[in-house]
Amino acid sequence: MMKSLMFATLAATASASCTTTGQARVWIDRANAGGGTTLKELEAESVSKDMPGWNLEGLDSRLWGVPDILSASSEARAFFPDQSDMILPGTQFKLKCPDDCSGKPCDFFIFMYHCPPCSRETNGRYTALLPSDGWETGSCAPRFSYVAEKYEMVGFRRQVAAGETIYTPPTEINLIHMGIFSLVRQPDCPGFGYSGCIGCAPICAWEEGKCQSNWCPRRFISGGNPPSCTKCVPNDFDDFTAPPTPEPTPVPTAIPTAVPTAIPTAVPTAVPTAIPTDVPTPTQRGCTYDDCYGNSCDYWVTKGYSCERLENKYGCRCDNCCCGRE
């Protein structure tokens, strides 16, 4: 009876000291980065397939195509450090997996801009530092944008045991365009048979006759371009918000009078019975008018005007121009 009571007390104590709802936590540590708050916890945000990202000098980024292993789980969270002043060399991130009753590990993911050579000066040297520190490289990463253009990212993943805290390696150069994701209470994919594996999709996937975590292996050589990397993020952030090129305004304030048309000679009343064979066929005049403010309509079309606008607003003649025959 006494022994049973002791076990019940121990079970109640264990139950009161752990939880199954804890979430991962992430801090940015600038202790060795010179200035600023040395340790600051980042706010956790919910995850979706396409979602808001970080803020950069007043510009809000957006992530596109967050991997299913994260976007399909209610246990996933995103953490975005302030990148207005760059993430300076010497910065580390502190990552903690909750110590809950499940005893299951966490997966942490770092997604960062990757489009060599233009991303090499702002990647913190993470492409070399993280794989050497136990992070697995993966090519299933979202893309990100600031206005319209989408840019490529690379992903890194590391599993952390329940209750464990780790630090990322200190950055060696500036770091920018990045975010950290966490996924707690991961199912034990390798321990499942086929049915259990399919039931845990998309976090788990049945591949090559066994259940595996649904995380993409590296598809390109470290340091090289991913296949779809085609455009670099501008170094001058003003390029993101530059106003569109104004419409050219070569039109003078006073519209010149229209060129008078030649008055044809009177047609004789007597029409010959047959047209002489030596009469040449009339040729149609091409788009050679130079009375549309010194150029033809086709010239102004290349500058962004339409034939209709040139004729109706500016009094130009576009009869035989390419745009006039559309």
C-alpha atoms as a PDB file:
ATOM      1  CA  MET A   1       0.000   0.000   0.000  1.00  0.00           C
ATOM      2  CA  MET A   2       2.827   2.369   0.949  1.00  0.00           C
ATOM      3  CA  LYS A   3       4.746   1.478  -2.209  1.00  0.00           C
ATOM      4  CA  SER A   4       1.678   2.108  -4.393  1.00  0.00           C
ATOM      5  CA  LEU A   5       1.171   5.476  -2.758  1.00  0.00           C
ATOM      6  CA  MET A   6       4.820   6.374  -3.382  1.00  0.00           C
ATOM      7  CA  PHE A   7       4.535   5.518  -7.070  1.00  0.00           C
ATOM      8  CA  ALA A   8       1.331   7.550  -7.362  1.00  0.00           C
ATOM      9  CA  THR A   9       3.039  10.535  -5.719  1.00  0.00           C
ATOM     10  CA  LEU A  10       6.042  10.277  -8.055  1.00  0.00           C
ATOM     11  CA  ALA A  11       3.774  10.041 -11.094  1.00  0.00           C
ATOM     12  CA  ALA A  12       1.804  13.098  -9.998  1.00  0.00           C
ATOM     13  CA  THR A  13       5.028  15.028  -9.400  1.00  0.00           C
ATOM     14  CA  ALA A  14       6.379  14.105 -12.851  1.00  0.00           C
ATOM     15  CA  SER A  15       3.078  15.013 -14.434  1.00  0.00           C
ATOM     16  CA  ALA A  16       3.104  18.419 -12.768  1.00  0.00           C
ATOM     17  CA  SER A  17       6.690  19.197 -13.857  1.00  0.00           C
ATOM     18  CA  CYS A  18       6.305  18.553 -17.577  1.00  0.00           C
ATOM     19  CA  THR A  19       3.914  19.555 -20.330  1.00  0.00           C
ATOM     20  CA  THR A  20       2.986  18.408 -23.827  1.00  0.00           C
ATOM     21  CA  THR A  21       2.356  21.891 -25.171  1.00  0.00           C
ATOM     22  CA  GLY A  22       5.794  23.481 -24.880  1.00  0.00           C
ATOM     23  CA  GLN A  23       7.291  25.181 -27.915  1.00  0.00           C
ATOM     24  CA  ALA A  24      10.839  25.666 -29.078  1.00  0.00           C
ATOM     25  CA  ARG A  25      12.542  28.945 -28.219  1.00  0.00           C
ATOM     26  CA  VAL A  26      15.125  30.945 -30.158  1.00  0.00           C
ATOM     27  CA  TRP A  27      17.381  33.820 -29.052  1.00  0.00           C
ATOM     28  CA  ILE A  28      19.813  35.994 -30.978  1.00  0.00           C
ATOM     29  CA  ASP A  29      23.072  36.417 -29.073  1.00  0.00           C
ATOM     30  CA  ARG A  30      25.188  39.451 -29.993  1.00  0.00           C
ATOM     31  CA  ALA A  31      27.613  39.177 -27.068  1.00  0.00           C
ATOM     32  CA  ASN A  32      30.540  38.776 -29.470  1.00  0.00           C
ATOM     33  CA  ALA A  33      29.138  40.946 -32.249  1.00  0.00           C
ATOM     34  CA  GLY A  34      29.926  44.319 -30.725  1.00  0.00           C
ATOM     35  CA  GLY A  35      27.153  46.492 -29.320  1.00  0.00           C
ATOM     36  CA  GLY A  36      23.422  46.156 -28.899  1.00  0.00           C
ATOM     37  CA  THR A  37      21.450  43.850 -26.633  1.00  0.00           C
ATOM     38  CA  THR A  38      23.565  40.757 -26.105  1.00  0.00           C
ATOM     39  CA  LEU A  39      20.733  38.226 -25.787  1.00  0.00           C
ATOM     40  CA  LYS A  40      17.232  38.760 -27.138  1.00  0.00           C
ATOM     41  CA  GLU A  41      14.483  36.175 -27.517  1.00  0.00           C
ATOM     42  CA  LEU A  42      12.774  36.124 -30.915  1.00  0.00           C
ATOM     43  CA  GLU A  43       9.019  36.048 -31.222  1.00  0.00           C
ATOM     44  CA  ALA A  44       7.529  32.766 -32.477  1.00  0.00           C
ATOM     45  CA  GLU A  45       5.130  32.978 -35.416  1.00  0.00           C
ATOM     46  CA  SER A  46       2.789  30.407 -36.926  1.00  0.00           C
ATOM     47  CA  VAL A  47       3.785  28.826 -40.244  1.00  0.00           C
ATOM     48  CA  SER A  48       1.954  28.571 -43.558  1.00  0.00           C
ATOM     49  CA  LYS A  49       2.874  27.676 -47.134  1.00  0.00           C
ATOM     50  CA  ASP A  50       3.160  31.330 -48.190  1.00  0.00           C
ATOM     51  CA  MET A  51       3.727  33.647 -45.271  1.00  0.00           C
ATOM     52  CA  PRO A  52       5.162  37.004 -44.106  1.00  0.00           C
ATOM     53  CA  GLY A  53       8.877  37.003 -43.341  1.00  0.00           C
ATOM     54  CA  TRP A  54      11.320  39.496 -41.839  1.00  0.00           C
ATOM     55  CA  ASN A  55      11.570  43.264 -42.129  1.00  0.00           C
ATOM     56  CA  LEU A  56      14.546  44.807 -43.897  1.00  0.00           C
ATOM     57  CA  GLU A  57      15.026  48.573 -43.739  1.00  0.00           C
ATOM     58  CA  GLY A  58      11.274  49.174 -43.763  1.00  0.00           C
ATOM     59  CA  LEU A  59      10.558  46.510 -46.394  1.00  0.00           C
ATOM     60  CA  ASP A  60       8.456  43.486 -45.424  1.00  0.00           C
ATOM     61  CA  SER A  61       9.605  40.260 -47.023  1.00  0.00           C
ATOM     62  CA  ARG A  62       7.407  37.289 -47.906  1.00  0.00           C
ATOM     63  CA  LEU A  63       8.232  33.576 -48.098  1.00  0.00           C
ATOM     64  CA  TRP A  64       6.823  31.410 -50.876  1.00  0.00           C
ATOM     65  CA  GLY A  65       6.596  27.607 -50.783  1.00  0.00           C
ATOM     66  CA  VAL A  66       7.557  26.740 -47.202  1.00  0.00           C
ATOM     67  CA  PRO A  67       8.187  22.931 -47.219  1.00  0.00           C
ATOM     68  CA  ASP A  68       5.202  20.736 -46.355  1.00  0.00           C
ATOM     69  CA  ILE A  69       7.028  19.211 -43.400  1.00  0.00           C
ATOM     70  CA  LEU A  70       6.625  22.636 -41.745  1.00  0.00           C
ATOM     71  CA  SER A  71       3.594  24.253 -43.370  1.00  0.00           C
ATOM     72  CA  ALA A  72       1.377  21.201 -42.763  1.00  0.00           C
ATOM     73  CA  SER A  73       2.158  20.962 -39.037  1.00  0.00           C
ATOM     74  CA  SER A  74       0.469  22.932 -36.269  1.00  0.00           C
ATOM     75  CA  GLU A  75       3.622  22.396 -34.187  1.00  0.00           C
ATOM     76  CA  ALA A  76       5.858  24.420 -36.541  1.00  0.00           C
ATOM     77  CA  ARG A  77       7.009  27.941 -35.643  1.00  0.00           C
ATOM     78  CA  ALA A  78       9.029  30.629 -37.432  1.00  0.00           C
ATOM     79  CA  PHE A  79      11.521  33.108 -35.926  1.00  0.00           C
ATOM     80  CA  PHE A  80      12.766  36.172 -37.809  1.00  0.00           C
ATOM     81  CA  PRO A  81      15.575  38.311 -36.360  1.00  0.00           C
ATOM     82  CA  ASP A  82      15.610  42.044 -37.060  1.00  0.00           C
ATOM     83  CA  GLN A  83      17.763  42.543 -40.156  1.00  0.00           C
ATOM     84  CA  SER A  84      17.561  46.320 -40.499  1.00  0.00           C
ATOM     85  CA  ASP A  85      21.234  46.745 -39.508  1.00  0.00           C
ATOM     86  CA  MET A  86      22.524  43.399 -40.770  1.00  0.00           C
ATOM     87  CA  ILE A  87      23.328  40.456 -38.480  1.00  0.00           C
ATOM     88  CA  LEU A  88      26.934  41.285 -37.655  1.00  0.00           C
ATOM     89  CA  PRO A  89      29.956  38.945 -37.535  1.00  0.00           C
ATOM     90  CA  GLY A  90      30.213  37.099 -34.223  1.00  0.00           C
ATOM     91  CA  THR A  91      26.441  36.689 -33.853  1.00  0.00           C
ATOM     92  CA  GLN A  92      25.067  33.348 -32.624  1.00  0.00           C
ATOM     93  CA  PHE A  93      21.585  31.898 -32.258  1.00  0.00           C
ATOM     94  CA  LYS A  94      20.556  30.009 -29.119  1.00  0.00           C
ATOM     95  CA  LEU A  95      18.041  27.223 -29.845  1.00  0.00           C
ATOM     96  CA  LYS A  96      16.145  25.308 -27.145  1.00  0.00           C
ATOM     97  CA  CYS A  97      13.935  22.236 -27.539  1.00  0.00           C
ATOM     98  CA  PRO A  98      11.222  21.995 -24.835  1.00  0.00           C
ATOM     99  CA  ASP A  99      11.593  19.327 -22.173  1.00  0.00           C
ATOM    100  CA  ASP A 100       8.073  17.901 -22.240  1.00  0.00           C
ATOM    101  CA  CYS A 101       6.435  14.622 -21.330  1.00  0.00           C
ATOM    102  CA  SER A 102       6.692  13.275 -24.877  1.00  0.00           C
ATOM    103  CA  GLY A 103      10.489  13.153 -24.742  1.00  0.00           C
ATOM    104  CA  LYS A 104      10.519  13.663 -28.506  1.00  0.00           C
ATOM    105  CA  PRO A 105      13.201  15.741 -30.236  1.00  0.00           C
ATOM    106  CA  CYS A 106      12.836  18.983 -32.175  1.00  0.00           C
ATOM    107  CA  ASP A 107      13.938  19.825 -35.660  1.00  0.00           C
ATOM    108  CA  PHE A 108      15.391  23.277 -36.284  1.00  0.00           C
ATOM    109  CA  PHE A 109      15.671  24.700 -39.789  1.00  0.00           C
ATOM    110  CA  ILE A 110      17.644  27.693 -41.045  1.00  0.00           C
ATOM    111  CA  PHE A 111      16.616  29.094 -44.435  1.00  0.00           C
ATOM    112  CA  MET A 112      18.848  31.736 -45.995  1.00  0.00           C
ATOM    113  CA  TYR A 113      19.424  33.531 -49.281  1.00  0.00           C
ATOM    114  CA  HIS A 114      21.607  31.470 -51.610  1.00  0.00           C
ATOM    115  CA  CYS A 115      22.578  32.661 -55.072  1.00  0.00           C
ATOM    116  CA  PRO A 116      26.383  32.640 -55.473  1.00  0.00           C
ATOM    117  CA  PRO A 117      28.409  34.635 -56.109  1.00  0.00           C
ATOM    118  CA  CYS A 118      26.206  37.580 -55.061  1.00  0.00           C
ATOM    119  CA  SER A 119      25.080  35.949 -51.785  1.00  0.00           C
ATOM    120  CA  ARG A 120      28.603  35.119 -50.585  1.00  0.00           C
ATOM    121  CA  GLU A 121      29.171  38.449 -48.846  1.00  0.00           C
ATOM    122  CA  THR A 122      25.999  38.277 -46.725  1.00  0.00           C
ATOM    123  CA  ASN A 123      25.610  34.588 -45.804  1.00  0.00           C
ATOM    124  CA  GLY A 124      27.543  34.677 -42.504  1.00  0.00           C
ATOM    125  CA  ARG A 125      29.728  31.884 -43.969  1.00  0.00           C
ATOM    126  CA  TYR A 126      26.897  29.574 -42.870  1.00  0.00           C
ATOM    127  CA  THR A 127      27.175  27.471 -46.043  1.00  0.00           C
ATOM    128  CA  ALA A 128      30.478  26.200 -44.640  1.00  0.00           C
ATOM    129  CA  LEU A 129      29.963  26.625 -40.879  1.00  0.00           C
ATOM    130  CA  LEU A 130      26.604  24.877 -40.431  1.00  0.00           C
ATOM    131  CA  PRO A 131      27.413  21.576 -42.227  1.00  0.00           C
ATOM    132  CA  SER A 132      30.594  21.360 -40.122  1.00  0.00           C
ATOM    133  CA  ASP A 133      28.460  21.752 -36.985  1.00  0.00           C
ATOM    134  CA  GLY A 134      26.067  18.880 -37.643  1.00  0.00           C
ATOM    135  CA  TRP A 135      23.490  20.695 -39.794  1.00  0.00           C
ATOM    136  CA  GLU A 136      22.167  18.778 -42.809  1.00  0.00           C
ATOM    137  CA  THR A 137      21.916  20.744 -46.051  1.00  0.00           C
ATOM    138  CA  GLY A 138      18.663  20.520 -48.010  1.00  0.00           C
ATOM    139  CA  SER A 139      17.363  22.057 -51.218  1.00  0.00           C
ATOM    140  CA  CYS A 140      13.676  22.066 -50.218  1.00  0.00           C
ATOM    141  CA  ALA A 141      13.658  25.697 -49.192  1.00  0.00           C
ATOM    142  CA  PRO A 142      11.144  28.474 -49.789  1.00  0.00           C
ATOM    143  CA  ARG A 143      11.814  31.481 -51.977  1.00  0.00           C
ATOM    144  CA  PHE A 144      11.455  35.045 -50.719  1.00  0.00           C
ATOM    145  CA  SER A 145      10.512  38.418 -52.151  1.00  0.00           C
ATOM    146  CA  TYR A 146      10.402  42.075 -51.138  1.00  0.00           C
ATOM    147  CA  VAL A 147       8.301  43.577 -53.934  1.00  0.00           C
ATOM    148  CA  ALA A 148       7.771  41.224 -56.876  1.00  0.00           C
ATOM    149  CA  GLU A 149      10.973  39.379 -57.783  1.00  0.00           C
ATOM    150  CA  LYS A 150      11.473  36.048 -55.957  1.00  0.00           C
ATOM    151  CA  TYR A 151      14.922  34.966 -54.773  1.00  0.00           C
ATOM    152  CA  GLU A 152      16.347  31.527 -53.981  1.00  0.00           C
ATOM    153  CA  MET A 153      17.186  30.094 -50.560  1.00  0.00           C
ATOM    154  CA  VAL A 154      18.991  27.054 -49.175  1.00  0.00           C
ATOM    155  CA  GLY A 155      17.944  25.125 -46.077  1.00  0.00           C
ATOM    156  CA  PHE A 156      19.786  23.515 -43.158  1.00  0.00           C
ATOM    157  CA  ARG A 157      18.292  21.159 -40.574  1.00  0.00           C
ATOM    158  CA  ARG A 158      19.508  19.885 -37.220  1.00  0.00           C
ATOM    159  CA  GLN A 159      17.711  17.657 -34.710  1.00  0.00           C
ATOM    160  CA  VAL A 160      17.917  18.623 -31.029  1.00  0.00           C
ATOM    161  CA  ALA A 161      16.967  16.309 -28.154  1.00  0.00           C
ATOM    162  CA  ALA A 162      14.131  17.216 -25.803  1.00  0.00           C
ATOM    163  CA  GLY A 163      15.331  19.673 -23.143  1.00  0.00           C
ATOM    164  CA  GLU A 164      18.609  20.345 -24.978  1.00  0.00           C
ATOM    165  CA  THR A 165      19.954  23.810 -25.864  1.00  0.00           C
ATOM    166  CA  ILE A 166      22.444  24.402 -28.660  1.00  0.00           C
ATOM    167  CA  TYR A 167      24.200  27.416 -30.191  1.00  0.00           C
ATOM    168  CA  THR A 168      24.874  28.009 -33.871  1.00  0.00           C
ATOM    169  CA  PRO A 169      28.493  28.773 -34.842  1.00  0.00           C
ATOM    170  CA  PRO A 170      29.363  32.505 -34.683  1.00  0.00           C
ATOM    171  CA  THR A 171      28.857  34.214 -38.029  1.00  0.00           C
ATOM    172  CA  GLU A 172      32.135  35.194 -39.707  1.00  0.00           C
ATOM    173  CA  ILE A 173      30.712  37.913 -41.977  1.00  0.00           C
ATOM    174  CA  ASN A 174      27.417  39.821 -42.189  1.00  0.00           C
ATOM    175  CA  LEU A 175      24.243  37.749 -42.450  1.00  0.00           C
ATOM    176  CA  ILE A 176      20.975  38.876 -44.028  1.00  0.00           C
ATOM    177  CA  HIS A 177      17.816  37.523 -45.754  1.00  0.00           C
ATOM    178  CA  MET A 178      17.217  34.584 -43.373  1.00  0.00           C
ATOM    179  CA  GLY A 179      14.819  32.954 -40.927  1.00  0.00           C
ATOM    180  CA  ILE A 180      14.758  30.086 -38.410  1.00  0.00           C
ATOM    181  CA  PHE A 181      11.979  27.485 -38.131  1.00  0.00           C
ATOM    182  CA  SER A 182      11.269  24.840 -35.488  1.00  0.00           C
ATOM    183  CA  LEU A 183       9.187  21.681 -35.409  1.00  0.00           C
ATOM    184  CA  VAL A 184       8.561  20.056 -32.001  1.00  0.00           C
ATOM    185  CA  ARG A 185       7.347  16.567 -31.054  1.00  0.00           C
ATOM    186  CA  GLN A 186       8.395  15.018 -34.323  1.00  0.00           C
ATOM    187  CA  PRO A 187       7.049  11.534 -35.006  1.00  0.00           C
ATOM    188  CA  ASP A 188       9.716   8.825 -35.106  1.00  0.00           C
ATOM    189  CA  CYS A 189       9.566   8.258 -38.866  1.00  0.00           C
ATOM    190  CA  PRO A 190      12.258   5.527 -39.057  1.00  0.00           C
ATOM    191  CA  GLY A 191      10.354   3.523 -36.421  1.00  0.00           C
ATOM    192  CA  PHE A 192       7.155   3.281 -38.516  1.00  0.00           C
ATOM    193  CA  GLY A 193       6.030   0.568 -40.877  1.00  0.00           C
ATOM    194  CA  TYR A 194       4.301   1.449 -44.163  1.00  0.00           C
ATOM    195  CA  SER A 195       0.843   2.194 -42.686  1.00  0.00           C
ATOM    196  CA  GLY A 196       2.172   4.314 -39.827  1.00  0.00           C
ATOM    197  CA  CYS A 197       4.447   6.162 -42.217  1.00  0.00           C
ATOM    198  CA  ILE A 198       1.627   7.036 -44.624  1.00  0.00           C
ATOM    199  CA  GLY A 199      -0.483   8.138 -41.652  1.00  0.00           C
ATOM    200  CA  CYS A 200       2.188  10.673 -40.674  1.00  0.00           C
ATOM    201  CA  ALA A 201       2.526  12.257 -44.117  1.00  0.00           C
ATOM    202  CA  PRO A 202       3.746  14.810 -45.069  1.00  0.00           C
ATOM    203  CA  ILE A 203       6.165  14.807 -42.112  1.00  0.00           C
ATOM    204  CA  CYS A 204       7.139  11.225 -42.943  1.00  0.00           C
ATOM    205  CA  ALA A 205       7.498   9.672 -46.400  1.00  0.00           C
ATOM    206  CA  TRP A 206       7.849   6.048 -47.526  1.00  0.00           C
ATOM    207  CA  GLU A 207      10.924   5.949 -49.761  1.00  0.00           C
ATOM    208  CA  GLU A 208      13.175   3.100 -50.892  1.00  0.00           C
ATOM    209  CA  GLY A 209      11.247   0.580 -48.795  1.00  0.00           C
ATOM    210  CA  LYS A 210      11.498   2.438 -45.487  1.00  0.00           C
ATOM    211  CA  CYS A 211       9.949   5.339 -43.612  1.00  0.00           C
ATOM    212  CA  GLN A 212      11.995   8.513 -43.631  1.00  0.00           C
ATOM    213  CA  SER A 213      11.636  12.081 -42.500  1.00  0.00           C
ATOM    214  CA  ASN A 214      10.254  14.062 -45.433  1.00  0.00           C
ATOM    215  CA  TRP A 215      13.200  16.411 -45.745  1.00  0.00           C
ATOM    216  CA  CYS A 216      14.927  17.022 -49.050  1.00  0.00           C
ATOM    217  CA  PRO A 217      18.569  15.983 -49.387  1.00  0.00           C
ATOM    218  CA  ARG A 218      21.013  18.343 -51.039  1.00  0.00           C
ATOM    219  CA  ARG A 219      20.480  18.494 -54.817  1.00  0.00           C
ATOM    220  CA  PHE A 220      23.432  20.676 -55.717  1.00  0.00           C
ATOM    221  CA  ILE A 221      27.073  20.883 -54.776  1.00  0.00           C
ATOM    222  CA  SER A 222      27.855  23.087 -51.777  1.00  0.00           C
ATOM    223  CA  GLY A 223      28.937  26.527 -52.918  1.00  0.00           C
ATOM    224  CA  GLY A 224      27.329  26.171 -56.346  1.00  0.00           C
ATOM    225  CA  ASN A 225      24.192  27.716 -57.734  1.00  0.00           C
ATOM    226  CA  PRO A 226      20.845  25.990 -57.271  1.00  0.00           C
ATOM    227  CA  PRO A 227      19.368  25.212 -60.710  1.00  0.00           C
ATOM    228  CA  SER A 228      16.807  28.034 -60.662  1.00  0.00           C
ATOM    229  CA  CYS A 229      19.041  30.807 -59.292  1.00  0.00           C
ATOM    230  CA  THR A 230      18.679  33.512 -61.931  1.00  0.00           C
ATOM    231  CA  LYS A 231      18.563  36.887 -60.166  1.00  0.00           C
ATOM    232  CA  CYS A 232      20.457  38.493 -57.303  1.00  0.00           C
ATOM    233  CA  VAL A 233      19.014  40.679 -54.558  1.00  0.00           C
ATOM    234  CA  PRO A 234      20.027  44.310 -55.245  1.00  0.00           C
ATOM    235  CA  ASN A 235      22.764  45.668 -52.996  1.00  0.00           C
ATOM    236  CA  ASP A 236      21.059  49.071 -52.961  1.00  0.00           C
ATOM    237  CA  PHE A 237      17.749  48.616 -51.160  1.00  0.00           C
ATOM    238  CA  ASP A 238      16.407  51.771 -52.804  1.00  0.00           C
ATOM    239  CA  ASP A 239      16.142  49.652 -55.968  1.00  0.00           C
ATOM    240  CA  PHE A 240      13.223  47.784 -54.368  1.00  0.00           C
ATOM    241  CA  THR A 241      11.103  50.910 -54.105  1.00  0.00           C
ATOM    242  CA  ALA A 242      12.376  53.006 -57.010  1.00  0.00           C
ATOM    243  CA  PRO A 243       9.436  54.729 -58.747  1.00  0.00           C
ATOM    244  CA  PRO A 244       8.633  53.575 -62.283  1.00  0.00           C
ATOM    245  CA  THR A 245      10.306  55.452 -65.133  1.00  0.00           C
ATOM    246  CA  PRO A 246       8.101  58.451 -65.932  1.00  0.00           C
ATOM    247  CA  GLU A 247       6.370  58.535 -69.282  1.00  0.00           C
ATOM    248  CA  PRO A 248       8.431  60.557 -71.790  1.00  0.00           C
ATOM    249  CA  THR A 249       7.076  64.038 -72.475  1.00  0.00           C
ATOM    250  CA  PRO A 250       8.621  65.178 -75.749  1.00  0.00           C
ATOM    251  CA  VAL A 251       5.397  66.819 -76.894  1.00  0.00           C
ATOM    252  CA  PRO A 252       5.705  70.642 -77.050  1.00  0.00           C
ATOM    253  CA  THR A 253       3.076  72.773 -75.362  1.00  0.00           C
ATOM    254  CA  ALA A 254       1.918  74.236 -78.689  1.00  0.00           C
ATOM    255  CA  ILE A 255       0.705  71.607 -81.139  1.00  0.00           C
ATOM    256  CA  PRO A 256       1.859  72.499 -84.670  1.00  0.00           C
ATOM    257  CA  THR A 257      -0.729  72.862 -87.351  1.00  0.00           C
ATOM    258  CA  ALA A 258      -1.463  69.762 -89.378  1.00  0.00           C
ATOM    259  CA  VAL A 259       0.413  69.345 -92.644  1.00  0.00           C
ATOM    260  CA  PRO A 260      -2.048  70.204 -95.463  1.00  0.00           C
ATOM    261  CA  THR A 261      -2.878  67.372 -97.797  1.00  0.00           C
ATOM    262  CA  ALA A 262      -2.325  67.804-101.493  1.00  0.00           C
ATOM    263  CA  ILE A 263      -5.511  68.533-103.454  1.00  0.00           C
ATOM    264  CA  PRO A 264      -5.864  65.935-106.222  1.00  0.00           C
ATOM    265  CA  THR A 265      -6.510  67.090-109.778  1.00  0.00           C
ATOM    266  CA  ALA A 266      -9.976  66.649-111.162  1.00  0.00           C
ATOM    267  CA  VAL A 267     -10.741  63.251-112.627  1.00  0.00           C
ATOM    268  CA  PRO A 268     -11.769  63.457-116.320  1.00  0.00           C
ATOM    269  CA  THR A 269     -15.388  62.568-117.034  1.00  0.00           C
ATOM    270  CA  ALA A 270     -14.511  60.244-119.866  1.00  0.00           C
ATOM    271  CA  VAL A 271     -13.232  56.935-118.523  1.00  0.00           C
ATOM    272  CA  PRO A 272     -11.099  54.960-120.966  1.00  0.00           C
ATOM    273  CA  THR A 273     -12.512  51.552-121.913  1.00  0.00           C
ATOM    274  CA  ALA A 274      -9.327  49.749-120.980  1.00  0.00           C
ATOM    275  CA  ILE A 275      -6.518  50.543-118.599  1.00  0.00           C
ATOM    276  CA  PRO A 276      -3.248  50.776-120.489  1.00  0.00           C
ATOM    277  CA  THR A 277      -0.890  47.971-119.599  1.00  0.00           C
ATOM    278  CA  ASP A 278       2.004  50.349-119.068  1.00  0.00           C
ATOM    279  CA  VAL A 279       0.321  52.240-116.200  1.00  0.00           C
ATOM    280  CA  PRO A 280       2.259  51.404-112.972  1.00  0.00           C
ATOM    281  CA  THR A 281       0.350  50.111-109.962  1.00  0.00           C
ATOM    282  CA  PRO A 282       0.108  52.850-107.274  1.00  0.00           C
ATOM    283  CA  THR A 283       2.428  52.223-104.349  1.00  0.00           C
ATOM    284  CA  GLN A 284       1.277  52.700-100.797  1.00  0.00           C
ATOM    285  CA  ARG A 285       3.280  55.207 -98.830  1.00  0.00           C
ATOM    286  CA  GLY A 286       5.089  53.676 -95.859  1.00  0.00           C
ATOM    287  CA  CYS A 287       5.327  54.960 -92.317  1.00  0.00           C
ATOM    288  CA  THR A 288       7.608  57.852 -93.222  1.00  0.00           C
ATOM    289  CA  TYR A 289       5.617  60.765 -91.902  1.00  0.00           C
ATOM    290  CA  ASP A 290       7.874  63.114 -90.018  1.00  0.00           C
ATOM    291  CA  ASP A 291       5.131  65.493 -88.970  1.00  0.00           C
ATOM    292  CA  CYS A 292       4.451  63.608 -85.694  1.00  0.00           C
ATOM    293  CA  TYR A 293       6.755  65.953 -83.782  1.00  0.00           C
ATOM    294  CA  GLY A 294       9.679  65.185 -86.028  1.00  0.00           C
ATOM    295  CA  ASN A 295       9.247  61.394 -86.154  1.00  0.00           C
ATOM    296  CA  SER A 296       6.877  58.684 -87.358  1.00  0.00           C
ATOM    297  CA  CYS A 297       4.140  57.029 -85.278  1.00  0.00           C
ATOM    298  CA  ASP A 298       6.141  53.777 -85.145  1.00  0.00           C
ATOM    299  CA  TYR A 299       8.989  55.671 -83.501  1.00  0.00           C
ATOM    300  CA  TRP A 300       6.718  57.025 -80.745  1.00  0.00           C
ATOM    301  CA  VAL A 301       5.165  53.545 -80.217  1.00  0.00           C
ATOM    302  CA  THR A 302       8.624  52.362 -79.105  1.00  0.00           C
ATOM    303  CA  LYS A 303       8.519  55.122 -76.481  1.00  0.00           C
ATOM    304  CA  GLY A 304       5.287  53.867 -74.934  1.00  0.00           C
ATOM    305  CA  TYR A 305       2.588  55.720 -76.899  1.00  0.00           C
ATOM    306  CA  SER A 306      -0.225  54.043 -78.846  1.00  0.00           C
ATOM    307  CA  CYS A 307      -1.264  54.976 -82.390  1.00  0.00           C
ATOM    308  CA  GLU A 308      -4.757  55.763 -81.144  1.00  0.00           C
ATOM    309  CA  ARG A 309      -3.377  58.204 -78.588  1.00  0.00           C
ATOM    310  CA  LEU A 310      -0.998  59.800 -81.124  1.00  0.00           C
ATOM    311  CA  GLU A 311      -3.834  60.364 -83.610  1.00  0.00           C
ATOM    312  CA  ASN A 312      -6.624  61.407 -81.248  1.00  0.00           C
ATOM    313  CA  LYS A 313      -4.646  63.490 -78.731  1.00  0.00           C
ATOM    314  CA  TYR A 314      -1.642  64.776 -80.657  1.00  0.00           C
ATOM    315  CA  GLY A 315      -3.008  64.972 -84.240  1.00  0.00           C
ATOM    316  CA  CYS A 316      -0.430  62.627 -85.806  1.00  0.00           C
ATOM    317  CA  ARG A 317      -1.042  60.521 -88.935  1.00  0.00           C
ATOM    318  CA  CYS A 318      -0.495  56.808 -88.481  1.00  0.00           C
ATOM    319  CA  ASP A 319      -2.360  55.480 -91.567  1.00  0.00           C
ATOM    320  CA  ASN A 320       0.428  53.327 -93.008  1.00  0.00           C
ATOM    321  CA  CYS A 321       2.378  52.667 -89.828  1.00  0.00           C
ATOM    322  CA  CYS A 322       2.622  49.229 -88.286  1.00  0.00           C
ATOM    323  CA  CYS A 323       0.577  50.249 -85.273  1.00  0.00           C
ATOM    324  CA  GLY A 324      -2.055  51.847 -87.524  1.00  0.00           C
ATOM    325  CA  ARG A 325      -2.661  48.553 -89.335  1.00  0.00           C
ATOM    326  CA  GLU A 326      -3.269  46.464 -86.174  1.00  0.00           C
END
